[in-house]
């Protein structure tokens, strides 16, 4: 009787989770898809919107531009990230921890900040462009506002993600292959091409597709340094915000999602193959002493890290300088947002509020969803459908989610219509936008739990709820903290998922950065970006401190058990 009741609860939970995912992921996408086949008056026009798009040179050129930007970004970023990851995993250079920390800094900043930094360095009045305002006998003048600026900003934005993928891939090398190559007398280059590259090929493919997708769908960098160079993301913004042409916005949105879907499918296939290549017999890689190699990679990492720090420093410096470049004295007036287009400090507090709520609700919902998918034993087919819907947001650009939510939640017949225009639609968009990565983190943690916990509890008549609170949650606390920080940081920096959804009286910090940059208030935009970075670094440091405390407590507990034994 108890077992039958437990199964009923499991069925109810699975039904509830899948229904929620359908309502927040699949149905809005369906609405977006349908909208692309209607005109602005609600008449079915079939493929006319797509024909109009491709027959309009100004619009179709955006697709070509986006492909060019994405390909160039992918090639340069993956090469740089590969060398950086190789240096930190396969060489004996010093300062690896510092280099790793600097490489991840762009994750804490809005993508607009990278464009702003490039403006202060290479813009018309930039430090490099003017030779540090004439102090140096040389200068470097480049045409920043266009493809060059977008590609540079996208490289900075994409680099940390590509580096993380490749670093993880290189961490799983089997040193036995290198020993065999040494026995056969293979040279260093021979080992690199025959052993190293094949062992990380799936990581390279994954990094390429992730880099391409991120560059293809990004809105922040093209908005700041794109100038008149249009891409698909800015086209969606112009169609929806500028021209109120929602159907054409939906059409461009579908074009935006296609490469992301392809990358998503390929990445899933690659991930399975990469895991299949790891065996228990593999030996960890051993770093041999090589001074020439270490010198080269140290200088390379120093150059990459130096450039990233230079970008960050340029924004910080600009936020304190009174009037760039005419009055270089320092002041805090740019941190007073009351007289600029950003509409005061309110958007920052709004963003913090949204980020905190997103972190709390998103973490709880994601972890419970992962638990239901992993730990229930009924309706396997429905659980598989739920798993697919849970990782589907990984393939959805933020602008597509935002656009889909406009069509779905703004419909008067939708029972959830009341969410539209409130803080809760922003929270929901953020939760769904960043749901997939957190879901994968949660499922990975849950897979490490011994299933005998649930079996023993069931045999003793202990409810699953009690096991969940007393065993599952405490053991998975590090993963839960990681999920919360991930939601918080990304909710602060995102612009694409919320740019269509915020209310006029409830703007967010990322939106205010775009508005300030559009109005020419670049220094206040830089100041707002700095505040976001500082908040995210504090959040990350706090999470690391809590995680360290948990690990220390666990070590003490294990030591006490050993002493008792």
Protein backbone atom coordinates (compact mmCIF):
# COMPACT_ATOMS: atom_id res chain seq x y z
CA UNK A 1 0.00 0.00 0.00
CA UNK A 2 2.85 2.37 0.93
CA UNK A 3 4.74 1.43 -2.22
CA UNK A 4 1.62 2.02 -4.36
CA UNK A 5 1.13 5.43 -2.72
CA UNK A 6 4.77 6.29 -3.41
CA UNK A 7 4.37 5.45 -7.08
CA UNK A 8 1.29 7.67 -7.28
CA UNK A 9 3.30 10.55 -5.84
CA UNK A 10 6.08 9.90 -8.36
CA UNK A 11 3.63 9.90 -11.25
CA UNK A 12 2.13 13.13 -9.99
CA UNK A 13 5.56 14.79 -9.74
CA UNK A 14 6.61 13.66 -13.22
CA UNK A 15 3.34 14.91 -14.69
CA UNK A 16 3.72 18.27 -12.94
CA UNK A 17 7.35 18.71 -14.03
CA UNK A 18 6.71 17.80 -17.68
CA UNK A 19 3.60 20.01 -17.80
CA UNK A 20 5.61 22.95 -16.42
CA UNK A 21 8.37 22.39 -18.99
CA UNK A 22 5.80 22.20 -21.79
CA UNK A 23 4.23 25.49 -20.67
CA UNK A 24 7.53 27.35 -20.29
CA UNK A 25 9.65 25.87 -23.09
CA UNK A 26 7.77 24.06 -25.85
CA UNK A 27 4.50 26.02 -26.09
CA UNK A 28 6.22 29.44 -26.33
CA UNK A 29 8.49 28.06 -29.05
CA UNK A 30 5.47 26.71 -30.90
CA UNK A 31 3.86 30.15 -30.70
CA UNK A 32 7.03 31.76 -32.08
CA UNK A 33 7.19 29.23 -34.91
CA UNK A 34 3.56 29.83 -35.86
CA UNK A 35 3.96 33.62 -35.78
CA UNK A 36 6.57 33.50 -38.53
CA UNK A 37 3.91 32.27 -40.99
CA UNK A 38 1.45 35.12 -40.37
CA UNK A 39 1.61 38.79 -41.30
CA UNK A 40 1.28 41.63 -38.83
CA UNK A 41 -2.51 41.64 -39.35
CA UNK A 42 -2.89 37.99 -38.33
CA UNK A 43 -3.39 36.62 -41.86
CA UNK A 44 -1.70 33.33 -42.79
CA UNK A 45 0.94 34.04 -45.46
CA UNK A 46 2.94 30.81 -45.48
CA UNK A 47 6.58 31.40 -46.41
CA UNK A 48 6.07 35.00 -47.54
CA UNK A 49 7.94 36.41 -44.53
CA UNK A 50 10.98 34.29 -45.36
CA UNK A 51 10.78 35.30 -49.02
CA UNK A 52 10.59 38.94 -47.99
CA UNK A 53 13.57 38.54 -45.73
CA UNK A 54 15.83 36.90 -48.31
CA UNK A 55 14.69 39.21 -51.11
CA UNK A 56 15.53 42.33 -49.08
CA UNK A 57 19.27 42.94 -49.53
CA UNK A 58 19.66 44.88 -46.27
CA UNK A 59 18.10 42.01 -44.30
CA UNK A 60 19.66 39.06 -46.09
CA UNK A 61 23.09 40.70 -45.80
CA UNK A 62 22.73 40.37 -42.02
CA UNK A 63 22.75 36.58 -42.34
CA UNK A 64 25.97 36.68 -44.37
CA UNK A 65 27.50 39.11 -41.88
CA UNK A 66 26.52 36.89 -38.95
CA UNK A 67 28.05 33.81 -40.57
CA UNK A 68 31.28 35.71 -41.27
CA UNK A 69 31.49 37.03 -37.70
CA UNK A 70 30.76 33.61 -36.22
CA UNK A 71 33.27 31.72 -38.38
CA UNK A 72 36.08 34.20 -37.78
CA UNK A 73 35.36 34.29 -34.06
CA UNK A 74 35.31 30.50 -33.86
CA UNK A 75 38.60 30.01 -35.69
CA UNK A 76 40.54 32.60 -33.68
CA UNK A 77 38.95 31.76 -30.32
CA UNK A 78 39.41 28.00 -30.53
CA UNK A 79 43.08 28.39 -31.51
CA UNK A 80 43.73 30.79 -28.62
CA UNK A 81 41.71 28.71 -26.15
CA UNK A 82 43.47 25.51 -27.25
CA UNK A 83 46.92 27.00 -26.68
CA UNK A 84 45.83 28.49 -23.35
CA UNK A 85 44.31 25.22 -22.14
CA UNK A 86 47.36 23.29 -23.35
CA UNK A 87 49.64 25.66 -21.44
CA UNK A 88 47.71 25.19 -18.18
CA UNK A 89 47.34 21.42 -18.46
CA UNK A 90 50.40 20.19 -20.40
CA UNK A 91 53.21 22.55 -19.40
CA UNK A 92 55.07 23.39 -16.20
CA UNK A 93 54.57 27.16 -16.25
CA UNK A 94 54.10 29.05 -13.00
CA UNK A 95 51.07 31.13 -12.09
CA UNK A 96 48.53 28.70 -13.51
CA UNK A 97 45.96 29.61 -10.88
CA UNK A 98 46.24 33.32 -11.68
CA UNK A 99 46.07 32.72 -15.43
CA UNK A 100 42.99 30.54 -14.96
CA UNK A 101 41.27 33.22 -12.88
CA UNK A 102 41.97 35.94 -15.44
CA UNK A 103 40.73 33.73 -18.30
CA UNK A 104 37.35 33.42 -16.58
CA UNK A 105 36.93 37.15 -15.87
CA UNK A 106 34.84 37.85 -19.02
CA UNK A 107 32.17 35.50 -17.64
CA UNK A 108 31.46 38.06 -14.90
CA UNK A 109 30.85 40.95 -17.30
CA UNK A 110 27.97 41.84 -19.61
CA UNK A 111 28.92 41.33 -23.26
CA UNK A 112 28.38 45.07 -23.82
CA UNK A 113 31.31 45.72 -21.49
CA UNK A 114 33.76 44.08 -23.88
CA UNK A 115 32.61 46.43 -26.63
CA UNK A 116 32.88 49.44 -24.31
CA UNK A 117 36.41 48.39 -23.34
CA UNK A 118 37.43 48.15 -26.99
CA UNK A 119 35.96 51.61 -27.59
CA UNK A 120 38.17 53.10 -24.87
CA UNK A 121 41.22 51.33 -26.27
CA UNK A 122 40.74 51.44 -30.05
CA UNK A 123 37.93 53.95 -30.60
CA UNK A 124 38.41 57.40 -32.10
CA UNK A 125 39.68 58.73 -28.74
CA UNK A 126 41.06 55.45 -27.46
CA UNK A 127 44.25 54.95 -25.52
CA UNK A 128 45.92 52.91 -28.27
CA UNK A 129 44.46 54.98 -31.10
CA UNK A 130 45.86 58.23 -29.69
CA UNK A 131 49.12 56.73 -28.46
CA UNK A 132 48.02 57.28 -24.82
CA UNK A 133 46.87 60.80 -25.72
CA UNK A 134 50.08 61.67 -27.54
CA UNK A 135 52.51 60.49 -24.87
CA UNK A 136 53.83 57.76 -27.16
CA UNK A 137 55.49 58.45 -30.54
CA UNK A 138 53.25 55.89 -32.28
CA UNK A 139 49.58 54.93 -32.40
CA UNK A 140 47.43 52.21 -33.91
CA UNK A 141 44.37 53.32 -35.81
CA UNK A 142 41.86 50.59 -36.69
CA UNK A 143 38.31 50.69 -38.00
CA UNK A 144 36.72 49.44 -34.79
CA UNK A 145 33.03 50.04 -35.50
CA UNK A 146 32.09 47.13 -37.71
CA UNK A 147 33.22 43.54 -38.19
CA UNK A 148 36.64 44.08 -36.59
CA UNK A 149 35.18 45.41 -33.36
CA UNK A 150 32.47 42.77 -33.22
CA UNK A 151 34.95 39.92 -33.80
CA UNK A 152 37.32 41.23 -31.11
CA UNK A 153 34.47 41.61 -28.61
CA UNK A 154 33.08 38.17 -29.45
CA UNK A 155 36.50 36.56 -29.02
CA UNK A 156 36.71 37.99 -25.49
CA UNK A 157 33.14 36.85 -24.77
CA UNK A 158 33.56 33.32 -26.15
CA UNK A 159 37.14 32.64 -25.01
CA UNK A 160 36.36 31.50 -21.42
CA UNK A 161 33.72 29.03 -22.59
CA UNK A 162 36.00 27.49 -25.24
CA UNK A 163 38.88 27.35 -22.76
CA UNK A 164 36.79 25.49 -20.16
CA UNK A 165 35.67 22.89 -22.70
CA UNK A 166 39.20 22.27 -23.97
CA UNK A 167 40.75 22.26 -20.48
CA UNK A 168 38.32 19.57 -19.36
CA UNK A 169 38.99 17.60 -22.53
CA UNK A 170 42.75 17.73 -22.02
CA UNK A 171 42.42 16.66 -18.40
CA UNK A 172 41.36 13.18 -19.54
CA UNK A 173 44.50 12.32 -21.53
CA UNK A 174 45.88 8.78 -21.26
CA UNK A 175 49.63 9.03 -20.66
CA UNK A 176 50.14 5.43 -21.78
CA UNK A 177 49.75 6.59 -25.38
CA UNK A 178 52.60 9.07 -24.94
CA UNK A 179 54.77 6.39 -23.36
CA UNK A 180 54.12 4.14 -26.34
CA UNK A 181 54.99 6.99 -28.71
CA UNK A 182 58.25 7.62 -26.83
CA UNK A 183 59.12 3.94 -27.09
CA UNK A 184 58.63 4.14 -30.88
CA UNK A 185 60.87 7.21 -31.05
CA UNK A 186 58.18 9.68 -32.12
CA UNK A 187 59.14 13.37 -32.17
CA UNK A 188 57.26 16.05 -30.20
CA UNK A 189 55.34 17.21 -33.29
CA UNK A 190 54.54 13.65 -34.24
CA UNK A 191 53.10 12.98 -30.77
CA UNK A 192 51.14 16.21 -30.94
CA UNK A 193 49.40 15.36 -34.22
CA UNK A 194 49.04 11.61 -33.70
CA UNK A 195 48.28 11.44 -29.96
CA UNK A 196 47.28 14.84 -28.56
CA UNK A 197 44.91 16.06 -31.29
CA UNK A 198 43.01 12.74 -31.66
CA UNK A 199 42.61 12.50 -27.87
CA UNK A 200 40.96 15.94 -27.66
CA UNK A 201 39.23 16.02 -31.05
CA UNK A 202 35.76 15.79 -29.52
CA UNK A 203 36.57 18.68 -27.21
CA UNK A 204 37.76 20.73 -30.19
CA UNK A 205 34.57 19.98 -32.11
CA UNK A 206 32.45 20.86 -29.10
CA UNK A 207 34.40 24.10 -28.53
CA UNK A 208 33.94 25.03 -32.19
CA UNK A 209 30.18 24.55 -32.12
CA UNK A 210 29.75 26.32 -28.78
CA UNK A 211 31.90 29.24 -29.95
CA UNK A 212 30.03 29.49 -33.24
CA UNK A 213 26.64 29.42 -31.51
CA UNK A 214 27.57 32.04 -28.91
CA UNK A 215 28.96 34.40 -31.53
CA UNK A 216 26.02 33.74 -33.88
CA UNK A 217 23.39 34.61 -31.28
CA UNK A 218 25.09 37.38 -29.25
CA UNK A 219 23.40 40.77 -29.11
CA UNK A 220 25.51 42.86 -26.71
CA UNK A 221 28.78 43.20 -28.65
CA UNK A 222 27.21 44.02 -32.07
CA UNK A 223 24.95 46.56 -30.37
CA UNK A 224 27.90 48.49 -28.90
CA UNK A 225 30.63 48.28 -31.58
CA UNK A 226 28.68 47.07 -34.61
CA UNK A 227 28.03 50.52 -36.06
CA UNK A 228 26.06 50.07 -39.29
CA UNK A 229 27.18 46.45 -39.62
CA UNK A 230 23.97 44.50 -39.05
CA UNK A 231 23.76 40.94 -37.74
CA UNK A 232 20.76 38.71 -37.05
CA UNK A 233 20.57 39.53 -33.33
CA UNK A 234 20.43 43.29 -33.96
CA UNK A 235 17.94 42.67 -36.79
CA UNK A 236 15.56 41.01 -34.33
CA UNK A 237 15.94 43.98 -31.99
CA UNK A 238 15.30 46.51 -34.77
CA UNK A 239 12.28 44.64 -36.11
CA UNK A 240 10.64 44.22 -32.70
CA UNK A 241 11.66 47.39 -30.85
CA UNK A 242 12.33 49.78 -33.71
CA UNK A 243 9.62 48.88 -36.21
CA UNK A 244 7.17 46.91 -34.04
CA UNK A 245 7.18 44.27 -36.80
CA UNK A 246 6.66 41.22 -34.61
CA UNK A 247 6.15 38.71 -37.42
CA UNK A 248 9.42 39.63 -39.13
CA UNK A 249 11.08 39.47 -35.73
CA UNK A 250 9.75 35.93 -35.36
CA UNK A 251 11.06 35.09 -38.83
CA UNK A 252 14.56 36.29 -38.00
CA UNK A 253 14.29 34.55 -34.62
CA UNK A 254 13.75 31.21 -36.35
CA UNK A 255 16.81 31.82 -38.51
CA UNK A 256 18.73 32.60 -35.33
CA UNK A 257 17.76 29.29 -33.73
CA UNK A 258 18.75 26.96 -36.60
CA UNK A 259 22.55 26.97 -36.08
CA UNK A 260 22.01 26.70 -32.34
CA UNK A 261 19.89 23.57 -32.80
CA UNK A 262 22.50 22.00 -35.08
CA UNK A 263 25.26 22.84 -32.59
CA UNK A 264 23.14 21.43 -29.77
CA UNK A 265 22.64 18.09 -31.52
CA UNK A 266 26.29 17.80 -32.51
CA UNK A 267 27.42 18.73 -28.99
CA UNK A 268 25.21 16.01 -27.46
CA UNK A 269 26.70 13.41 -29.84
CA UNK A 270 30.24 14.61 -29.18
CA UNK A 271 29.75 14.53 -25.41
CA UNK A 272 28.64 10.90 -25.48
CA UNK A 273 31.64 9.89 -27.57
CA UNK A 274 34.04 11.80 -25.38
CA UNK A 275 32.80 10.09 -22.23
CA UNK A 276 33.03 6.72 -23.97
CA UNK A 277 36.75 7.33 -24.58
CA UNK A 278 37.54 7.53 -20.83
CA UNK A 279 38.52 4.25 -19.19
CA UNK A 280 39.54 3.18 -15.69
CA UNK A 281 42.93 2.04 -17.03
CA UNK A 282 43.92 5.50 -18.24
CA UNK A 283 47.01 7.03 -16.62
CA UNK A 284 47.08 10.75 -15.81
CA UNK A 285 49.31 12.98 -17.92
CA UNK A 286 52.77 13.66 -16.51
CA UNK A 287 54.46 16.96 -17.34
CA UNK A 288 58.11 16.64 -18.33
CA UNK A 289 60.56 19.45 -17.81
CA UNK A 290 61.06 21.58 -20.93
CA UNK A 291 62.29 25.13 -20.40
CA UNK A 292 61.79 26.29 -24.01
CA UNK A 293 58.18 25.04 -24.06
CA UNK A 294 57.40 26.58 -20.68
CA UNK A 295 58.90 29.93 -21.66
CA UNK A 296 56.82 30.10 -24.84
CA UNK A 297 53.56 29.18 -23.10
CA UNK A 298 54.24 31.49 -20.17
CA UNK A 299 54.69 34.42 -22.55
CA UNK A 300 51.58 33.37 -24.48
CA UNK A 301 49.44 33.15 -21.34
CA UNK A 302 50.90 36.44 -20.14
CA UNK A 303 49.91 38.11 -23.42
CA UNK A 304 46.35 36.73 -23.40
CA UNK A 305 45.83 37.50 -19.71
CA UNK A 306 47.40 40.92 -20.15
CA UNK A 307 44.97 41.77 -22.95
CA UNK A 308 41.98 40.65 -20.89
CA UNK A 309 43.19 42.64 -17.88
CA UNK A 310 43.84 45.64 -20.15
CA UNK A 311 40.23 45.57 -21.31
CA UNK A 312 39.00 45.37 -17.74
CA UNK A 313 41.36 48.11 -16.61
CA UNK A 314 40.28 50.40 -19.46
CA UNK A 315 36.64 50.19 -18.38
CA UNK A 316 37.49 50.72 -14.70
CA UNK A 317 39.73 53.68 -15.57
CA UNK A 318 37.11 55.25 -17.83
CA UNK A 319 34.47 54.96 -15.13
CA UNK A 320 36.55 57.25 -12.85
CA UNK A 321 37.86 59.79 -15.41
CA UNK A 322 35.77 62.97 -15.52
CA UNK A 323 35.70 63.75 -19.26
CA UNK A 324 37.53 61.31 -21.52
CA UNK A 325 39.99 62.35 -23.01
CA UNK A 326 39.85 66.09 -22.21
CA UNK A 327 39.77 66.08 -18.40
CA UNK A 328 41.70 63.07 -17.08
CA UNK A 329 41.21 63.90 -13.42
CA UNK A 330 39.49 61.30 -11.29
CA UNK A 331 36.02 61.49 -9.82
CA UNK A 332 32.94 59.48 -8.94
CA UNK A 333 30.37 61.45 -10.91
CA UNK A 334 29.86 58.63 -13.43
CA UNK A 335 28.59 56.42 -10.58
CA UNK A 336 25.78 58.92 -10.05
CA UNK A 337 23.33 57.66 -12.66
CA UNK A 338 20.56 60.15 -11.89
CA UNK A 339 21.27 62.44 -14.85
CA UNK A 340 21.89 59.89 -17.59
CA UNK A 341 19.78 57.66 -19.83
CA UNK A 342 20.16 54.73 -17.46
CA UNK A 343 17.61 56.33 -15.09
CA UNK A 344 19.56 56.22 -11.84
CA UNK A 345 20.84 53.39 -9.69
CA UNK A 346 17.39 51.76 -9.65
CA UNK A 347 18.10 49.35 -12.55
CA UNK A 348 21.05 47.89 -10.63
CA UNK A 349 18.88 47.19 -7.56
CA UNK A 350 16.24 45.73 -9.89
CA UNK A 351 18.85 43.44 -11.43
CA UNK A 352 20.08 42.32 -8.02
CA UNK A 353 16.51 41.56 -6.96
CA UNK A 354 15.81 39.60 -10.16
CA UNK A 355 19.15 37.76 -9.87
CA UNK A 356 18.52 36.75 -6.24
CA UNK A 357 14.96 35.55 -6.94
CA UNK A 358 16.18 33.72 -10.05
CA UNK A 359 18.97 32.05 -8.07
CA UNK A 360 16.60 30.89 -5.31
CA UNK A 361 13.68 29.77 -7.47
CA UNK A 362 15.83 28.55 -10.35
CA UNK A 363 18.06 26.42 -8.12
CA UNK A 364 15.11 24.90 -6.25
CA UNK A 365 13.08 24.15 -9.37
CA UNK A 366 16.05 22.82 -11.32
CA UNK A 367 17.24 20.55 -8.53
CA UNK A 368 13.76 19.14 -7.90
CA UNK A 369 13.31 18.59 -11.65
CA UNK A 370 16.62 16.74 -11.86
CA UNK A 371 15.71 14.68 -8.79
CA UNK A 372 12.38 13.67 -10.30
CA UNK A 373 14.05 12.69 -13.58
CA UNK A 374 16.87 10.74 -11.94
CA UNK A 375 15.32 9.13 -8.87
CA UNK A 376 11.80 8.12 -9.90
CA UNK A 377 11.18 4.69 -11.37
CA UNK A 378 7.89 5.10 -13.24
CA UNK A 379 6.87 6.30 -16.71
CA UNK A 380 10.30 6.06 -18.29
CA UNK A 381 9.07 7.48 -21.61
CA UNK A 382 7.64 10.59 -19.97
CA UNK A 383 10.84 11.05 -17.98
CA UNK A 384 12.86 10.91 -21.22
CA UNK A 385 10.58 13.57 -22.70
CA UNK A 386 11.11 15.67 -19.58
CA UNK A 387 14.88 15.25 -19.86
CA UNK A 388 14.79 16.43 -23.48
CA UNK A 389 12.72 19.49 -22.55
CA UNK A 390 15.13 20.20 -19.67
CA UNK A 391 18.21 20.40 -21.89
CA UNK A 392 16.42 22.00 -24.88
CA UNK A 393 17.02 25.57 -23.53
CA UNK A 394 20.72 24.92 -24.12
CA UNK A 395 19.94 25.28 -27.84
CA UNK A 396 17.80 28.42 -27.48
CA UNK A 397 19.35 31.88 -27.86
CA UNK A 398 18.22 34.35 -25.23
CA UNK A 399 16.53 36.59 -27.78
CA UNK A 400 14.48 33.66 -29.05
CA UNK A 401 13.28 32.91 -25.51
CA UNK A 402 12.39 36.56 -24.96
CA UNK A 403 10.56 36.81 -28.27
CA UNK A 404 8.70 33.54 -27.72
CA UNK A 405 7.58 34.77 -24.29
CA UNK A 406 6.16 37.95 -25.83
CA UNK A 407 3.93 35.96 -28.18
CA UNK A 408 2.96 33.36 -25.59
CA UNK A 409 2.45 35.26 -22.33
CA UNK A 410 1.14 38.45 -23.91
CA UNK A 411 -1.75 36.57 -25.51
CA UNK A 412 -4.99 37.63 -23.74
CA UNK A 413 -6.33 34.05 -23.72
CA UNK A 414 -3.28 32.70 -21.89
CA UNK A 415 -4.18 31.93 -18.26
CA UNK A 416 -0.69 33.15 -17.28
CA UNK A 417 -1.16 36.46 -19.08
CA UNK A 418 -0.86 38.26 -15.72
CA UNK A 419 2.86 37.46 -15.61
CA UNK A 420 3.58 39.67 -18.61
CA UNK A 421 5.05 43.05 -17.72
CA UNK A 422 5.96 41.98 -14.17
CA UNK A 423 9.19 40.98 -12.48
CA UNK A 424 8.08 37.36 -12.64
CA UNK A 425 8.27 37.15 -16.43
CA UNK A 426 11.91 38.30 -16.15
CA UNK A 427 12.64 35.69 -13.50
CA UNK A 428 10.96 32.97 -15.56
CA UNK A 429 12.88 33.93 -18.70
CA UNK A 430 16.18 33.82 -16.79
CA UNK A 431 15.36 30.48 -15.16
CA UNK A 432 14.55 28.88 -18.52
CA UNK A 433 17.46 30.56 -20.31
CA UNK A 434 20.00 29.10 -17.84
CA UNK A 435 18.04 26.00 -16.90
CA UNK A 436 19.89 23.41 -18.98
CA UNK A 437 23.42 23.91 -17.59
CA UNK A 438 22.13 23.87 -14.00
CA UNK A 439 20.02 20.80 -14.77
CA UNK A 440 23.09 18.96 -16.09
CA UNK A 441 25.04 20.01 -12.96
CA UNK A 442 22.27 18.67 -10.72
CA UNK A 443 21.90 15.37 -12.59
CA UNK A 444 25.67 14.84 -12.49
CA UNK A 445 25.65 15.29 -8.70
CA UNK A 446 22.62 13.03 -8.28
CA UNK A 447 24.17 10.26 -10.37
CA UNK A 448 27.02 10.06 -7.85
CA UNK A 449 24.60 9.18 -5.03
CA UNK A 450 24.32 5.50 -4.20
CA UNK A 451 20.79 4.30 -5.12
CA UNK A 452 20.88 2.08 -2.04
CA UNK A 453 19.90 5.14 0.03
CA UNK A 454 16.42 5.12 -1.51
CA UNK A 455 16.20 1.32 -1.46
CA UNK A 456 17.15 1.11 2.23
CA UNK A 457 14.75 3.93 3.13
CA UNK A 458 11.91 2.23 1.23
CA UNK A 459 12.52 -1.09 2.98
CA UNK A 460 12.43 0.68 6.37
CA UNK A 461 9.27 2.60 5.52
CA UNK A 462 11.02 6.00 5.46
CA UNK A 463 9.48 8.45 3.04
CA UNK A 464 11.42 9.72 0.02
CA UNK A 465 10.78 13.29 1.19
CA UNK A 466 12.73 12.63 4.40
CA UNK A 467 15.59 10.99 2.48
CA UNK A 468 15.58 13.96 0.09
CA UNK A 469 15.96 16.54 2.88
CA UNK A 470 18.28 14.57 5.19
CA UNK A 471 20.54 12.84 2.66
CA UNK A 472 20.21 14.08 -0.91
CA UNK A 473 20.25 17.84 -0.29
CA UNK A 474 23.17 17.82 2.22
CA UNK A 475 25.33 15.60 -0.01
CA UNK A 476 24.56 17.71 -3.09
CA UNK A 477 25.07 21.07 -1.34
CA UNK A 478 28.25 21.98 -3.32
CA UNK A 479 26.39 21.43 -6.60
CA UNK A 480 23.39 23.40 -5.31
CA UNK A 481 25.65 26.34 -4.41
CA UNK A 482 27.27 26.18 -7.84
CA UNK A 483 23.85 26.25 -9.50
CA UNK A 484 22.72 29.24 -7.41
CA UNK A 485 25.85 31.23 -8.29
CA UNK A 486 25.47 30.32 -11.96
CA UNK A 487 21.89 31.61 -11.99
CA UNK A 488 22.84 34.78 -10.08
CA UNK A 489 25.83 35.75 -12.22
CA UNK A 490 24.16 35.08 -15.55
CA UNK A 491 20.97 36.87 -14.51
CA UNK A 492 23.04 39.99 -13.78
CA UNK A 493 24.93 40.00 -17.09
CA UNK A 494 22.28 38.80 -19.56
CA UNK A 495 20.62 41.21 -21.94
CA UNK A 496 19.25 39.11 -24.80
CA UNK A 497 16.64 37.14 -22.82
CA UNK A 498 15.13 40.17 -21.07
CA UNK A 499 15.53 43.00 -23.57
CA UNK A 500 11.98 42.45 -24.88
CA UNK A 501 10.33 41.67 -21.54
CA UNK A 502 11.17 44.40 -19.04
CA UNK A 503 8.51 46.94 -18.09
CA UNK A 504 9.06 50.68 -18.59
CA UNK A 505 9.10 51.25 -14.83
CA UNK A 506 11.33 48.25 -14.05
CA UNK A 507 14.52 48.43 -16.11
CA UNK A 508 17.53 46.21 -15.50
CA UNK A 509 21.20 47.13 -15.26
CA UNK A 510 22.13 45.39 -18.52
CA UNK A 511 19.31 47.22 -20.32
CA UNK A 512 20.42 50.53 -18.83
CA UNK A 513 23.94 49.92 -20.17
CA UNK A 514 22.51 49.60 -23.69
CA UNK A 515 20.37 52.72 -23.22
CA UNK A 516 23.29 54.75 -21.86
CA UNK A 517 25.56 53.66 -24.69
CA UNK A 518 22.88 54.57 -27.25
CA UNK A 519 22.54 58.03 -25.66
CA UNK A 520 26.31 58.62 -25.68
CA UNK A 521 26.69 58.18 -21.92
CA UNK A 522 29.53 55.70 -22.37
CA UNK A 523 31.37 56.47 -19.11
CA UNK A 524 28.27 55.84 -16.93
CA UNK A 525 27.70 52.65 -18.95
CA UNK A 526 31.25 51.63 -18.07
CA UNK A 527 30.59 52.43 -14.42
CA UNK A 528 27.46 50.26 -14.37
CA UNK A 529 29.44 47.45 -15.99
CA UNK A 530 32.12 47.72 -13.30
CA UNK A 531 29.50 47.45 -10.55
CA UNK A 532 28.09 44.29 -12.15
CA UNK A 533 31.55 42.72 -12.39
CA UNK A 534 32.30 43.55 -8.74
CA UNK A 535 29.00 42.03 -7.59
CA UNK A 536 29.63 38.86 -9.58
CA UNK A 537 33.18 38.49 -8.28
CA UNK A 538 31.87 38.87 -4.71
CA UNK A 539 29.21 36.23 -5.41
CA UNK A 540 31.77 33.85 -6.89
CA UNK A 541 34.19 34.41 -4.00
CA UNK A 542 31.41 33.85 -1.48
CA UNK A 543 30.44 30.59 -3.14
CA UNK A 544 34.06 29.42 -3.11
CA UNK A 545 34.32 30.27 0.60
CA UNK A 546 31.15 28.34 1.44
CA UNK A 547 32.26 25.37 -0.67
CA UNK A 548 35.64 25.36 1.09
CA UNK A 549 33.89 25.35 4.48
CA UNK A 550 31.74 22.41 3.41
CA UNK A 551 34.76 20.45 2.17
CA UNK A 552 36.63 21.20 5.40
CA UNK A 553 33.69 20.06 7.51
CA UNK A 554 33.37 16.88 5.45
CA UNK A 555 37.10 16.18 5.93
CA UNK A 556 36.75 16.62 9.69
CA UNK A 557 33.75 14.29 9.76
CA UNK A 558 35.63 11.59 7.85
CA UNK A 559 38.64 11.99 10.15
CA UNK A 560 36.45 11.61 13.23
CA UNK A 561 34.89 8.45 11.76
CA UNK A 562 38.34 6.98 11.11
CA UNK A 563 39.43 7.75 14.69
CA UNK A 564 36.31 6.10 16.10
CA UNK A 565 36.87 3.07 13.89
